[in-house]
Amino acid sequence: MAKKHHFLVSYTLNNQPQSTEVESDAETLSIDQARFHIAALHTSDVPADITDVQVTKIAHPREPGSTPGHYQQP
């Protein structure tokens, strides 16, 4: 089973900051690939309205039940 890589994609849409997580088989995600994912999420918007796209690799994605103990409620 291939390891999945997770990325946080931050962007501005109609002057509103947005972000989404993208899962990929590839170790990198280009700005163009991120734009493709964003455009697929916002099909009713004009792609030119998507600006300031930034991609950050998430080193350790959150797994269910992986919250550190000091953040968990008793």
C-alpha atoms as a PDB file:
ATOM      1  CA  MET A   1       0.000   0.000   0.000  1.00  0.00           C
ATOM      2  CA  ALA A   2       1.485   3.334  -1.097  1.00  0.00           C
ATOM      3  CA  LYS A   3       1.942   6.028   1.501  1.00  0.00           C
ATOM      4  CA  LYS A   4      -0.360   8.997   1.092  1.00  0.00           C
ATOM      5  CA  HIS A   5       1.027  12.497   1.459  1.00  0.00           C
ATOM      6  CA  HIS A   6      -1.045  15.330   2.895  1.00  0.00           C
ATOM      7  CA  PHE A   7      -0.862  19.001   2.016  1.00  0.00           C
ATOM      8  CA  LEU A   8      -2.521  22.124   3.356  1.00  0.00           C
ATOM      9  CA  VAL A   9      -3.538  24.382   0.484  1.00  0.00           C
ATOM     10  CA  SER A  10      -4.251  27.978   1.486  1.00  0.00           C
ATOM     11  CA  TYR A  11      -5.738  30.444  -0.972  1.00  0.00           C
ATOM     12  CA  THR A  12      -7.933  33.493  -1.386  1.00  0.00           C
ATOM     13  CA  LEU A  13     -11.290  33.259  -3.143  1.00  0.00           C
ATOM     14  CA  ASN A  14     -13.257  36.455  -3.740  1.00  0.00           C
ATOM     15  CA  ASN A  15     -11.073  38.232  -1.148  1.00  0.00           C
ATOM     16  CA  GLN A  16     -11.885  35.590   1.490  1.00  0.00           C
ATOM     17  CA  PRO A  17      -9.071  33.435   2.941  1.00  0.00           C
ATOM     18  CA  GLN A  18      -9.731  29.714   2.534  1.00  0.00           C
ATOM     19  CA  SER A  19      -7.864  26.463   3.018  1.00  0.00           C
ATOM     20  CA  THR A  20      -8.317  22.788   2.284  1.00  0.00           C
ATOM     21  CA  GLU A  21      -6.367  19.582   2.814  1.00  0.00           C
ATOM     22  CA  VAL A  22      -5.310  17.579  -0.225  1.00  0.00           C
ATOM     23  CA  GLU A  23      -4.205  13.938  -0.138  1.00  0.00           C
ATOM     24  CA  SER A  24      -1.844  12.743  -2.858  1.00  0.00           C
ATOM     25  CA  ASP A  25       0.269   9.736  -3.802  1.00  0.00           C
ATOM     26  CA  ALA A  26       3.024  12.149  -4.880  1.00  0.00           C
ATOM     27  CA  GLU A  27       5.570  13.543  -2.433  1.00  0.00           C
ATOM     28  CA  THR A  28       5.076  17.071  -3.752  1.00  0.00           C
ATOM     29  CA  LEU A  29       2.112  19.161  -4.851  1.00  0.00           C
ATOM     30  CA  SER A  30       2.709  22.046  -7.243  1.00  0.00           C
ATOM     31  CA  ILE A  31       0.791  25.305  -7.194  1.00  0.00           C
ATOM     32  CA  ASP A  32      -0.830  24.320 -10.515  1.00  0.00           C
ATOM     33  CA  GLN A  33      -1.957  20.962  -9.102  1.00  0.00           C
ATOM     34  CA  ALA A  34      -3.321  22.743  -6.028  1.00  0.00           C
ATOM     35  CA  ARG A  35      -5.228  25.183  -8.274  1.00  0.00           C
ATOM     36  CA  PHE A  36      -6.772  22.206 -10.062  1.00  0.00           C
ATOM     37  CA  HIS A  37      -8.046  20.804  -6.743  1.00  0.00           C
ATOM     38  CA  ILE A  38      -9.361  24.201  -5.654  1.00  0.00           C
ATOM     39  CA  ALA A  39     -11.162  24.762  -8.965  1.00  0.00           C
ATOM     40  CA  ALA A  40     -12.813  21.341  -8.583  1.00  0.00           C
ATOM     41  CA  LEU A  41     -14.096  22.391  -5.139  1.00  0.00           C
ATOM     42  CA  HIS A  42     -15.445  25.722  -6.385  1.00  0.00           C
ATOM     43  CA  THR A  43     -16.942  24.882  -9.779  1.00  0.00           C
ATOM     44  CA  SER A  44     -19.387  27.799  -9.655  1.00  0.00           C
ATOM     45  CA  ASP A  45     -16.563  30.347  -9.227  1.00  0.00           C
ATOM     46  CA  VAL A  46     -14.282  31.784 -11.888  1.00  0.00           C
ATOM     47  CA  PRO A  47     -10.782  30.235 -11.613  1.00  0.00           C
ATOM     48  CA  ALA A  48      -9.249  33.728 -11.945  1.00  0.00           C
ATOM     49  CA  ASP A  49     -10.895  34.611  -8.602  1.00  0.00           C
ATOM     50  CA  ILE A  50      -8.611  32.059  -6.884  1.00  0.00           C
ATOM     51  CA  THR A  51      -5.440  33.871  -5.828  1.00  0.00           C
ATOM     52  CA  ASP A  52      -2.529  33.639  -3.390  1.00  0.00           C
ATOM     53  CA  VAL A  53      -2.296  29.837  -3.575  1.00  0.00           C
ATOM     54  CA  GLN A  54       0.216  28.350  -1.122  1.00  0.00           C
ATOM     55  CA  VAL A  55       1.027  24.686  -0.507  1.00  0.00           C
ATOM     56  CA  THR A  56       2.412  23.354   2.767  1.00  0.00           C
ATOM     57  CA  LYS A  57       3.235  19.694   3.308  1.00  0.00           C
ATOM     58  CA  ILE A  58       1.679  18.267   6.461  1.00  0.00           C
ATOM     59  CA  ALA A  59       4.414  16.152   8.041  1.00  0.00           C
ATOM     60  CA  HIS A  60       2.183  14.198  10.400  1.00  0.00           C
ATOM     61  CA  PRO A  61      -1.486  14.117   9.398  1.00  0.00           C
ATOM     62  CA  ARG A  62      -3.960  13.832  12.231  1.00  0.00           C
ATOM     63  CA  GLU A  63      -5.084  10.306  12.805  1.00  0.00           C
ATOM     64  CA  PRO A  64      -8.222   9.577  14.821  1.00  0.00           C
ATOM     65  CA  GLY A  65      -7.241   9.087  18.447  1.00  0.00           C
ATOM     66  CA  SER A  66      -3.780  10.602  17.980  1.00  0.00           C
ATOM     67  CA  THR A  67      -4.378  13.766  19.995  1.00  0.00           C
ATOM     68  CA  PRO A  68      -1.596  14.180  22.555  1.00  0.00           C
ATOM     69  CA  GLY A  69      -2.671  13.177  26.048  1.00  0.00           C
ATOM     70  CA  HIS A  70      -2.266  16.645  27.524  1.00  0.00           C
ATOM     71  CA  TYR A  71      -4.956  17.934  25.113  1.00  0.00           C
ATOM     72  CA  GLN A  72      -7.512  15.210  25.869  1.00  0.00           C
ATOM     73  CA  GLN A  73     -10.374  15.653  28.300  1.00  0.00           C
ATOM     74  CA  PRO A  74     -10.398  13.252  31.283  1.00  0.00           C
END
